[in-house]
N, C-alpha and C. Protein backbone atom coordinates (compact mmCIF):
# COMPACT_ATOMS: atom_id res chain seq x y z
N MET A 1 30.65 -25.67 62.80
CA MET A 1 30.16 -24.78 62.32
C MET A 1 29.32 -25.33 61.46
N GLY A 2 28.17 -24.58 60.78
CA GLY A 2 27.31 -25.07 60.08
C GLY A 2 27.53 -25.00 58.34
N PRO A 3 26.74 -25.29 57.76
CA PRO A 3 26.82 -24.51 56.31
C PRO A 3 26.59 -23.12 56.36
N GLY A 4 27.37 -22.56 55.22
CA GLY A 4 27.34 -20.99 54.90
C GLY A 4 25.64 -20.57 54.86
N SER A 5 24.87 -21.25 54.17
CA SER A 5 23.83 -21.03 53.53
C SER A 5 22.73 -22.08 54.06
N PRO A 6 21.32 -21.35 54.70
CA PRO A 6 20.28 -21.76 55.10
C PRO A 6 19.75 -23.08 54.30
N VAL A 7 19.97 -22.91 53.01
CA VAL A 7 19.43 -23.70 51.58
C VAL A 7 20.70 -24.83 51.40
N PRO A 8 20.36 -26.23 51.47
CA PRO A 8 21.13 -27.04 50.87
C PRO A 8 21.64 -26.80 49.68
N PRO A 9 22.97 -27.23 49.36
CA PRO A 9 23.30 -27.02 47.74
C PRO A 9 22.64 -28.52 47.29
N PRO A 10 22.45 -28.30 45.60
CA PRO A 10 21.55 -29.35 44.86
C PRO A 10 22.53 -30.53 44.81
N GLU A 11 22.00 -31.66 44.86
CA GLU A 11 22.26 -33.06 44.93
C GLU A 11 22.92 -33.33 44.01
N GLU A 12 22.33 -33.06 42.91
CA GLU A 12 22.44 -33.37 41.49
C GLU A 12 22.24 -32.40 40.42
N GLY A 13 23.05 -32.18 39.46
CA GLY A 13 22.82 -31.25 38.35
C GLY A 13 22.92 -29.50 38.76
N ALA A 14 22.29 -28.78 38.02
CA ALA A 14 22.67 -27.55 37.82
C ALA A 14 21.27 -27.00 38.97
N GLU A 15 21.66 -25.94 39.88
CA GLU A 15 20.67 -25.50 40.70
C GLU A 15 19.25 -25.03 40.07
N ALA A 16 18.86 -24.54 39.06
CA ALA A 16 18.11 -24.30 38.39
C ALA A 16 17.29 -25.42 37.57
N ALA A 17 16.95 -26.35 38.62
CA ALA A 17 16.16 -27.47 37.92
C ALA A 17 14.97 -27.50 37.22
N TYR A 18 14.35 -26.56 37.72
CA TYR A 18 13.03 -26.40 37.15
C TYR A 18 12.55 -25.34 36.02
N ARG A 19 13.85 -24.59 35.55
CA ARG A 19 13.86 -23.96 34.26
C ARG A 19 13.35 -24.80 32.73
N LEU A 20 12.76 -23.93 32.03
CA LEU A 20 12.84 -24.65 30.81
C LEU A 20 14.17 -24.44 29.91
N ASP A 21 14.23 -25.61 29.21
CA ASP A 21 15.76 -25.72 28.68
C ASP A 21 15.77 -24.37 27.72
N PRO A 22 16.94 -23.61 27.52
CA PRO A 22 17.30 -22.56 26.87
C PRO A 22 17.18 -23.08 25.05
N VAL A 23 16.72 -22.09 24.28
CA VAL A 23 16.45 -22.57 22.91
C VAL A 23 17.85 -21.57 22.19
N GLU A 24 18.65 -22.11 21.56
CA GLU A 24 19.67 -21.95 20.97
C GLU A 24 19.88 -21.73 19.36
N ALA A 25 20.10 -20.62 18.87
CA ALA A 25 20.12 -20.52 17.22
C ALA A 25 21.49 -20.57 17.10
N ARG A 26 21.80 -21.84 16.23
CA ARG A 26 23.03 -22.14 15.76
C ARG A 26 23.33 -21.23 14.74
N ALA A 27 22.63 -20.34 13.86
CA ALA A 27 22.84 -19.20 12.72
C ALA A 27 21.80 -18.04 12.77
N GLY A 28 22.12 -17.07 12.13
CA GLY A 28 21.09 -16.33 12.23
C GLY A 28 20.07 -16.31 11.63
N LEU A 29 19.12 -16.00 12.69
CA LEU A 29 17.63 -16.26 12.37
C LEU A 29 17.14 -15.81 10.98
N THR A 30 17.63 -14.42 10.57
CA THR A 30 17.02 -13.99 9.50
C THR A 30 18.46 -14.03 8.69
N THR A 31 18.85 -15.21 8.10
CA THR A 31 20.08 -15.47 7.43
C THR A 31 19.57 -14.86 6.22
N GLY A 32 20.74 -13.66 5.73
CA GLY A 32 20.63 -13.13 4.40
C GLY A 32 19.77 -11.95 4.46
N GLU A 33 19.15 -11.87 5.28
CA GLU A 33 18.34 -10.46 5.22
C GLU A 33 19.13 -9.45 6.07
N GLY A 34 20.25 -9.51 6.50
CA GLY A 34 20.94 -8.31 7.46
C GLY A 34 21.20 -7.16 6.96
N PHE A 35 21.57 -6.40 7.29
CA PHE A 35 22.00 -5.05 6.89
C PHE A 35 23.68 -5.04 6.83
N ALA A 36 24.08 -5.60 5.84
CA ALA A 36 25.42 -5.89 5.61
C ALA A 36 26.44 -4.44 5.75
N ARG A 37 27.63 -4.70 6.13
CA ARG A 37 28.33 -3.56 6.18
C ARG A 37 28.85 -2.87 4.78
N SER A 38 28.71 -3.42 3.58
CA SER A 38 28.84 -3.22 2.45
C SER A 38 27.35 -2.32 2.04
N ARG A 39 26.51 -2.36 2.64
CA ARG A 39 25.06 -1.86 2.30
C ARG A 39 25.27 -0.34 3.09
N ARG A 40 26.01 -0.23 4.14
CA ARG A 40 25.90 0.70 4.96
C ARG A 40 26.85 2.14 4.27
N LEU A 41 26.16 3.40 4.51
CA LEU A 41 26.89 4.38 4.23
C LEU A 41 27.40 4.90 5.60
N ALA A 42 28.51 4.58 6.00
CA ALA A 42 29.13 4.83 7.46
C ALA A 42 30.42 5.97 7.21
N ARG A 43 31.11 5.98 6.38
CA ARG A 43 32.14 6.82 6.38
C ARG A 43 31.98 8.31 6.42
N ALA A 44 32.69 8.75 6.83
CA ALA A 44 32.43 10.45 7.19
C ALA A 44 32.59 11.13 5.65
N ALA A 45 33.70 10.48 5.22
CA ALA A 45 33.89 11.19 3.50
C ALA A 45 32.64 10.98 2.98
N ASP A 46 31.99 9.61 2.81
CA ASP A 46 31.10 9.48 2.11
C ASP A 46 29.81 10.18 2.65
N ILE A 47 29.35 10.27 3.87
CA ILE A 47 28.23 11.16 4.20
C ILE A 47 28.65 12.60 3.75
N ARG A 48 29.90 13.30 4.16
CA ARG A 48 29.82 14.65 3.47
C ARG A 48 29.83 14.90 2.01
N ARG A 49 30.01 13.92 1.25
CA ARG A 49 29.93 14.03 -0.23
C ARG A 49 28.47 14.16 -0.64
N CYS A 50 27.74 12.90 0.20
CA CYS A 50 26.14 13.14 -0.14
C CYS A 50 25.53 14.42 0.24
N LEU A 51 25.96 15.04 1.38
CA LEU A 51 25.49 16.32 1.76
C LEU A 51 25.80 17.37 1.05
N ALA A 52 26.79 17.48 0.57
CA ALA A 52 27.40 18.39 -0.11
C ALA A 52 26.92 18.41 -1.59
N LYS A 53 26.81 17.32 -2.26
CA LYS A 53 26.77 17.39 -3.72
C LYS A 53 25.19 16.50 -4.07
N GLY A 54 24.71 15.75 -2.77
CA GLY A 54 23.54 15.28 -3.29
C GLY A 54 21.97 16.08 -3.38
N ARG A 55 21.28 15.18 -4.07
CA ARG A 55 19.89 15.96 -3.99
C ARG A 55 18.91 15.54 -2.69
N ARG A 56 18.05 16.56 -2.51
CA ARG A 56 17.42 16.74 -1.43
C ARG A 56 15.85 16.22 -1.59
N ARG A 57 15.24 15.75 -0.71
CA ARG A 57 13.61 15.84 -0.54
C ARG A 57 13.28 15.95 1.19
N ARG A 58 12.42 16.90 1.43
CA ARG A 58 12.12 16.78 2.52
C ARG A 58 10.78 16.47 2.66
N SER A 59 10.48 15.51 3.65
CA SER A 59 8.97 15.44 3.79
C SER A 59 8.60 15.26 5.38
N ALA A 60 7.21 15.25 5.90
CA ALA A 60 6.77 15.18 7.17
C ALA A 60 8.23 15.06 8.26
N PHE A 61 8.47 13.84 8.16
CA PHE A 61 9.17 13.03 9.06
C PHE A 61 10.98 13.09 8.65
N LEU A 62 11.21 13.06 7.24
CA LEU A 62 12.58 12.54 6.97
C LEU A 62 12.88 13.82 6.24
N ASP A 63 14.29 14.07 6.45
CA ASP A 63 15.10 14.60 5.10
C ASP A 63 15.94 13.38 4.40
N LEU A 64 15.29 13.42 2.90
CA LEU A 64 16.41 12.37 2.42
C LEU A 64 17.02 12.89 1.22
N ILE A 65 18.48 12.47 1.30
CA ILE A 65 19.42 13.10 0.41
C ILE A 65 20.16 12.08 -0.23
N TRP A 66 20.17 11.75 -1.39
CA TRP A 66 20.66 10.89 -2.39
C TRP A 66 21.63 11.48 -3.53
N ILE A 67 22.51 10.29 -3.75
CA ILE A 67 23.63 10.50 -4.59
C ILE A 67 23.92 9.31 -5.44
N ASP A 68 24.26 9.45 -6.70
CA ASP A 68 24.20 7.97 -7.26
C ASP A 68 26.09 7.62 -7.06
N ASN A 69 26.30 6.35 -6.90
CA ASN A 69 27.40 5.82 -6.55
C ASN A 69 27.62 4.88 -7.60
N ALA A 70 29.05 4.70 -7.81
CA ALA A 70 29.79 3.64 -8.54
C ALA A 70 29.94 2.36 -8.32
N LEU A 71 29.47 2.00 -6.92
CA LEU A 71 29.59 0.68 -6.70
C LEU A 71 28.66 -0.63 -7.23
N GLY A 72 27.67 -0.17 -7.70
CA GLY A 72 26.59 -1.22 -8.35
C GLY A 72 25.57 -1.39 -7.51
N HIS A 73 25.43 -1.17 -6.18
CA HIS A 73 24.61 -1.59 -5.17
C HIS A 73 24.25 -0.51 -4.23
N PRO A 74 22.83 -0.08 -3.86
CA PRO A 74 22.64 0.87 -2.85
C PRO A 74 23.04 0.47 -1.51
N ARG A 75 23.52 1.91 -0.83
CA ARG A 75 23.58 1.92 0.56
C ARG A 75 23.03 2.95 1.27
N MET A 76 22.64 3.05 2.54
CA MET A 76 22.03 3.95 3.32
C MET A 76 22.63 4.03 4.49
N GLY A 77 22.58 5.34 4.80
CA GLY A 77 23.33 6.18 6.19
C GLY A 77 22.08 6.79 7.15
N LEU A 78 22.48 6.94 8.28
CA LEU A 78 21.40 7.14 9.07
C LEU A 78 22.08 8.57 9.82
N ILE A 79 20.89 9.54 10.22
CA ILE A 79 21.56 10.21 11.05
C ILE A 79 20.05 10.57 11.94
N VAL A 80 20.01 10.35 13.25
CA VAL A 80 19.20 10.24 14.05
C VAL A 80 19.51 11.49 15.27
N PRO A 81 19.20 12.74 15.10
CA PRO A 81 19.71 13.41 16.38
C PRO A 81 18.63 13.52 17.57
N ARG A 82 19.35 13.61 18.54
CA ARG A 82 18.76 13.10 19.83
C ARG A 82 17.43 14.01 20.14
N PHE A 83 17.30 15.44 19.67
CA PHE A 83 16.06 16.50 19.91
C PHE A 83 15.47 15.97 21.12
N GLN A 84 16.16 16.02 22.28
CA GLN A 84 15.78 15.64 23.62
C GLN A 84 15.05 14.38 23.89
N ALA A 85 15.03 13.53 23.22
CA ALA A 85 14.54 12.26 23.16
C ALA A 85 15.57 11.25 23.86
N THR A 86 14.60 10.15 24.30
CA THR A 86 15.77 8.80 25.28
C THR A 86 16.68 8.16 24.12
N ALA A 87 17.09 7.47 24.61
CA ALA A 87 18.09 6.23 23.69
C ALA A 87 17.14 5.37 23.48
N VAL A 88 16.17 5.20 24.17
CA VAL A 88 14.96 4.08 23.74
C VAL A 88 14.48 4.25 22.57
N ALA A 89 13.90 5.69 22.50
CA ALA A 89 13.33 6.39 21.20
C ALA A 89 14.32 6.28 20.02
N ARG A 90 15.37 6.84 20.33
CA ARG A 90 16.40 6.96 19.17
C ARG A 90 16.43 5.47 18.67
N ASN A 91 16.84 4.67 19.36
CA ASN A 91 17.09 3.18 18.99
C ASN A 91 15.79 2.65 18.00
N ARG A 92 14.83 2.88 18.69
CA ARG A 92 13.49 2.50 18.34
C ARG A 92 13.27 3.07 16.59
N LEU A 93 13.57 4.43 16.23
CA LEU A 93 13.60 5.07 15.41
C LEU A 93 14.52 4.56 14.22
N ARG A 94 15.57 4.12 15.01
CA ARG A 94 16.91 3.68 13.83
C ARG A 94 16.53 2.29 13.36
N ARG A 95 15.83 1.48 14.36
CA ARG A 95 15.47 -0.15 13.91
C ARG A 95 14.39 0.16 12.86
N ARG A 96 13.53 0.92 13.00
CA ARG A 96 12.18 1.18 12.14
C ARG A 96 12.77 1.46 10.51
N LEU A 97 13.51 2.78 10.62
CA LEU A 97 14.16 2.97 9.33
C LEU A 97 14.89 1.71 8.89
N LYS A 98 15.74 1.19 9.33
CA LYS A 98 16.76 0.24 8.84
C LYS A 98 15.98 -1.07 8.35
N GLU A 99 14.60 -1.43 9.27
CA GLU A 99 13.69 -2.31 8.53
C GLU A 99 13.14 -2.18 7.52
N VAL A 100 12.64 -1.02 7.28
CA VAL A 100 12.06 -0.69 6.16
C VAL A 100 13.09 -0.70 4.84
N TRP A 101 14.32 -0.11 4.91
CA TRP A 101 15.43 -0.43 4.10
C TRP A 101 15.53 -1.87 3.75
N ARG A 102 15.78 -2.72 4.71
CA ARG A 102 16.39 -3.86 4.34
C ARG A 102 15.26 -4.83 3.86
N ARG A 103 13.90 -4.66 4.22
CA ARG A 103 13.24 -5.47 3.61
C ARG A 103 12.42 -5.14 2.57
N GLU A 104 12.30 -3.79 2.13
CA GLU A 104 11.56 -3.56 0.93
C GLU A 104 12.28 -2.45 0.23
N VAL A 105 13.44 -1.66 0.37
CA VAL A 105 13.84 -1.01 -0.73
C VAL A 105 15.17 -1.45 -1.02
N GLN A 106 16.02 -2.19 -0.28
CA GLN A 106 17.62 -2.59 -0.71
C GLN A 106 17.10 -3.32 -1.84
N ALA A 107 16.69 -4.65 -2.13
CA ALA A 107 16.42 -5.12 -2.86
C ALA A 107 16.47 -4.84 -4.52
N VAL A 108 15.65 -3.63 -4.57
CA VAL A 108 14.95 -3.14 -5.99
C VAL A 108 15.77 -1.76 -6.09
N GLN A 109 16.89 -1.35 -5.19
CA GLN A 109 16.96 0.00 -5.31
C GLN A 109 18.21 0.07 -6.33
N PRO A 110 18.33 1.03 -7.05
CA PRO A 110 19.69 1.13 -8.25
C PRO A 110 20.73 1.34 -7.26
N ALA A 111 21.80 1.74 -8.01
CA ALA A 111 22.92 2.06 -7.17
C ALA A 111 22.95 3.63 -7.08
N CYS A 112 22.88 3.94 -5.85
CA CYS A 112 22.58 5.27 -5.20
C CYS A 112 23.00 5.37 -3.85
N ASP A 113 23.42 6.27 -3.20
CA ASP A 113 23.89 6.32 -1.67
C ASP A 113 22.51 7.16 -0.98
N LEU A 114 21.76 6.99 -0.07
CA LEU A 114 20.56 7.42 0.45
C LEU A 114 21.23 7.82 1.79
N LEU A 115 21.12 9.12 2.26
CA LEU A 115 20.99 9.76 3.57
C LEU A 115 19.75 9.95 4.04
N VAL A 116 19.26 9.46 5.08
CA VAL A 116 18.10 9.65 5.69
C VAL A 116 18.57 10.26 7.15
N ARG A 117 18.01 11.52 7.22
CA ARG A 117 18.13 12.33 8.23
C ARG A 117 16.61 12.44 9.22
N ALA A 118 16.56 11.86 10.15
CA ALA A 118 15.26 11.93 10.98
C ALA A 118 14.98 13.55 11.25
N ARG A 119 13.67 13.89 11.28
CA ARG A 119 13.29 15.09 11.95
C ARG A 119 12.50 14.77 13.17
N ARG A 120 12.34 16.32 13.87
CA ARG A 120 11.69 15.86 15.43
C ARG A 120 10.40 15.24 15.31
N GLU A 121 9.60 15.32 14.28
CA GLU A 121 8.27 14.65 14.09
C GLU A 121 8.41 13.24 14.05
N ALA A 122 9.44 12.90 13.30
CA ALA A 122 9.79 11.34 13.37
C ALA A 122 9.51 10.55 14.24
N TYR A 123 10.18 10.68 15.74
CA TYR A 123 9.67 10.02 16.72
C TYR A 123 8.56 9.82 17.26
N SER A 124 7.78 10.78 16.92
CA SER A 124 5.82 10.41 16.85
C SER A 124 5.48 9.59 15.87
N ALA A 125 6.04 9.62 14.52
CA ALA A 125 5.48 8.71 13.58
C ALA A 125 5.42 7.33 13.83
N SER A 126 4.28 6.62 13.15
CA SER A 126 4.21 5.19 12.91
C SER A 126 5.05 4.75 12.41
N TYR A 127 5.43 3.34 12.08
CA TYR A 127 6.16 2.65 11.33
C TYR A 127 5.56 2.56 10.24
N ASP A 128 4.11 2.66 9.92
CA ASP A 128 3.67 3.02 8.76
C ASP A 128 3.60 4.23 7.97
N ALA A 129 3.75 5.14 8.91
CA ALA A 129 3.98 6.39 8.12
C ALA A 129 5.40 6.49 7.69
N LEU A 130 6.22 6.08 8.51
CA LEU A 130 8.09 6.01 8.00
C LEU A 130 7.98 5.20 6.50
N ARG A 131 7.30 4.36 6.88
CA ARG A 131 7.48 3.50 5.50
C ARG A 131 6.96 3.83 4.60
N ALA A 132 5.86 4.64 4.42
CA ALA A 132 5.21 5.20 3.23
C ALA A 132 6.08 6.47 2.85
N GLU A 133 6.84 6.88 3.50
CA GLU A 133 7.76 8.27 3.38
C GLU A 133 8.90 7.85 2.32
N ILE A 134 9.39 6.60 3.13
CA ILE A 134 10.47 6.01 2.40
C ILE A 134 10.18 5.42 0.89
N LEU A 135 9.11 4.75 0.97
CA LEU A 135 8.65 4.12 -0.22
C LEU A 135 8.21 5.16 -1.21
N GLY A 136 7.79 6.26 -0.63
CA GLY A 136 7.37 7.00 -1.73
C GLY A 136 8.43 7.72 -2.29
N TRP A 137 9.85 8.01 -1.82
CA TRP A 137 10.69 8.46 -2.04
C TRP A 137 11.41 7.73 -3.21
N ARG A 138 11.41 6.28 -2.85
CA ARG A 138 11.66 5.61 -3.87
C ARG A 138 11.36 5.53 -5.13
N ASP A 139 10.03 5.81 -5.05
CA ASP A 139 9.03 5.87 -6.31
C ASP A 139 9.33 6.97 -7.21
N ALA A 140 9.78 7.75 -6.19
CA ALA A 140 9.25 9.06 -7.34
C ALA A 140 10.63 9.53 -7.49
N THR A 141 11.80 9.25 -6.99
CA THR A 141 13.03 9.89 -7.18
C THR A 141 13.98 8.68 -7.93
N CYS A 142 14.11 7.23 -7.54
CA CYS A 142 15.29 6.85 -7.90
C CYS A 142 14.43 5.56 -8.77
N PRO A 143 13.70 5.30 -9.73
CA PRO A 143 13.19 4.42 -10.09
C PRO A 143 14.11 3.34 -10.77
N ALA A 144 13.68 1.77 -10.77
CA ALA A 144 14.53 1.05 -10.70
C ALA A 144 15.21 1.12 -12.17
N ARG A 145 16.34 0.73 -12.43
CA ARG A 145 17.31 0.40 -13.99
C ARG A 145 16.98 -0.27 -14.24
């Protein structure tokens, strides 16, 4: 009997000899810019407290609910309902909201918990429109201390 495959095995090294070498990052590419667990509003009790006692602002794409906290740093939580949208659309919307928070709001925000609830219209909004709504909220309601 002959070999099991009509293609002979490679004589030396890996089979994929003509591929480019993979580039491996030894550390995070955005070191220090992450969305740390301490900056997330994730516990159900904290979210309920924010929903029950927080101040609200409704805009074209987002419902923003905030309340002061005693932790000394800001936290953000996201509620992105399905609204018959695909998982890809939901995840894209989450990533956009987190990116605005991470890059532009988190560093200058006073100690308060912000809960962002996306409205149906947010799925069709551009990144710039979402950014403008979050930055407008920050400037109008929670000025830096």
